[in-house]
Amino acid sequence: LGGIVFEKSGSYTPIWWLSVLFGVLSALINLPIVEKPVVRAVAQPA
């Protein structure tokens, strides 16, 4: 994809900014996620 954009624009700047945008969007999507510890059952001796 970077090569195609470079051929069309003569620069990697547009694809670089697109990558930055994807990083920011993925961070925003993950902000509301709250991970809670998983309660695991303790194995009982037989």
C-alpha atoms as a PDB file:
ATOM      1  CA  LEU A   1       0.000   0.000   0.000  1.00  0.00           C
ATOM      2  CA  GLY A   2       2.838   2.383   0.800  1.00  0.00           C
ATOM      3  CA  GLY A   3       4.381   1.766  -2.608  1.00  0.00           C
ATOM      4  CA  ILE A   4       1.132   2.553  -4.400  1.00  0.00           C
ATOM      5  CA  VAL A   5       0.710   5.806  -2.473  1.00  0.00           C
ATOM      6  CA  PHE A   6       4.353   6.685  -3.141  1.00  0.00           C
ATOM      7  CA  GLU A   7       3.888   6.121  -6.880  1.00  0.00           C
ATOM      8  CA  LYS A   8       0.795   8.343  -6.948  1.00  0.00           C
ATOM      9  CA  SER A   9       2.039  11.152  -4.688  1.00  0.00           C
ATOM     10  CA  GLY A  10       5.834  10.910  -4.865  1.00  0.00           C
ATOM     11  CA  SER A  11       6.024  10.883  -1.064  1.00  0.00           C
ATOM     12  CA  TYR A  12       5.472   8.547   1.857  1.00  0.00           C
ATOM     13  CA  THR A  13       3.922  11.371   3.903  1.00  0.00           C
ATOM     14  CA  PRO A  14       0.253  10.525   3.144  1.00  0.00           C
ATOM     15  CA  ILE A  15       0.646   6.871   4.130  1.00  0.00           C
ATOM     16  CA  TRP A  16       2.603   7.911   7.233  1.00  0.00           C
ATOM     17  CA  TRP A  17      -0.242  10.180   8.360  1.00  0.00           C
ATOM     18  CA  LEU A  18      -2.757   7.442   7.573  1.00  0.00           C
ATOM     19  CA  SER A  19      -0.773   5.108   9.849  1.00  0.00           C
ATOM     20  CA  VAL A  20      -0.810   7.734  12.604  1.00  0.00           C
ATOM     21  CA  LEU A  21      -4.572   8.125  12.172  1.00  0.00           C
ATOM     22  CA  PHE A  22      -5.088   4.352  12.442  1.00  0.00           C
ATOM     23  CA  GLY A  23      -2.998   4.282  15.631  1.00  0.00           C
ATOM     24  CA  VAL A  24      -4.997   7.093  17.228  1.00  0.00           C
ATOM     25  CA  LEU A  25      -8.317   5.527  16.204  1.00  0.00           C
ATOM     26  CA  SER A  26      -7.316   2.143  17.612  1.00  0.00           C
ATOM     27  CA  ALA A  27      -6.281   3.790  20.892  1.00  0.00           C
ATOM     28  CA  LEU A  28      -9.641   5.587  21.115  1.00  0.00           C
ATOM     29  CA  ILE A  29     -11.540   2.379  20.395  1.00  0.00           C
ATOM     30  CA  ASN A  30      -9.680   0.596  23.208  1.00  0.00           C
ATOM     31  CA  LEU A  31     -10.086   3.352  25.830  1.00  0.00           C
ATOM     32  CA  PRO A  32     -13.481   2.190  27.143  1.00  0.00           C
ATOM     33  CA  ILE A  33     -12.302  -1.398  27.640  1.00  0.00           C
ATOM     34  CA  VAL A  34     -11.954  -2.266  31.324  1.00  0.00           C
ATOM     35  CA  GLU A  35     -10.324  -5.611  31.947  1.00  0.00           C
ATOM     36  CA  LYS A  36     -11.279  -7.382  35.129  1.00  0.00           C
ATOM     37  CA  PRO A  37      -9.312 -10.235  36.666  1.00  0.00           C
ATOM     38  CA  VAL A  38     -10.624 -13.690  35.857  1.00  0.00           C
ATOM     39  CA  VAL A  39     -11.687 -15.743  38.879  1.00  0.00           C
ATOM     40  CA  ARG A  40     -10.321 -19.233  38.420  1.00  0.00           C
ATOM     41  CA  ALA A  41     -11.429 -22.286  40.341  1.00  0.00           C
ATOM     42  CA  VAL A  42      -8.839 -23.783  42.654  1.00  0.00           C
ATOM     43  CA  ALA A  43      -8.137 -27.464  42.005  1.00  0.00           C
ATOM     44  CA  GLN A  44      -9.140 -29.698  44.914  1.00  0.00           C
ATOM     45  CA  PRO A  45      -6.924 -32.656  45.832  1.00  0.00           C
ATOM     46  CA  ALA A  46      -8.481 -36.017  44.976  1.00  0.00           C
END
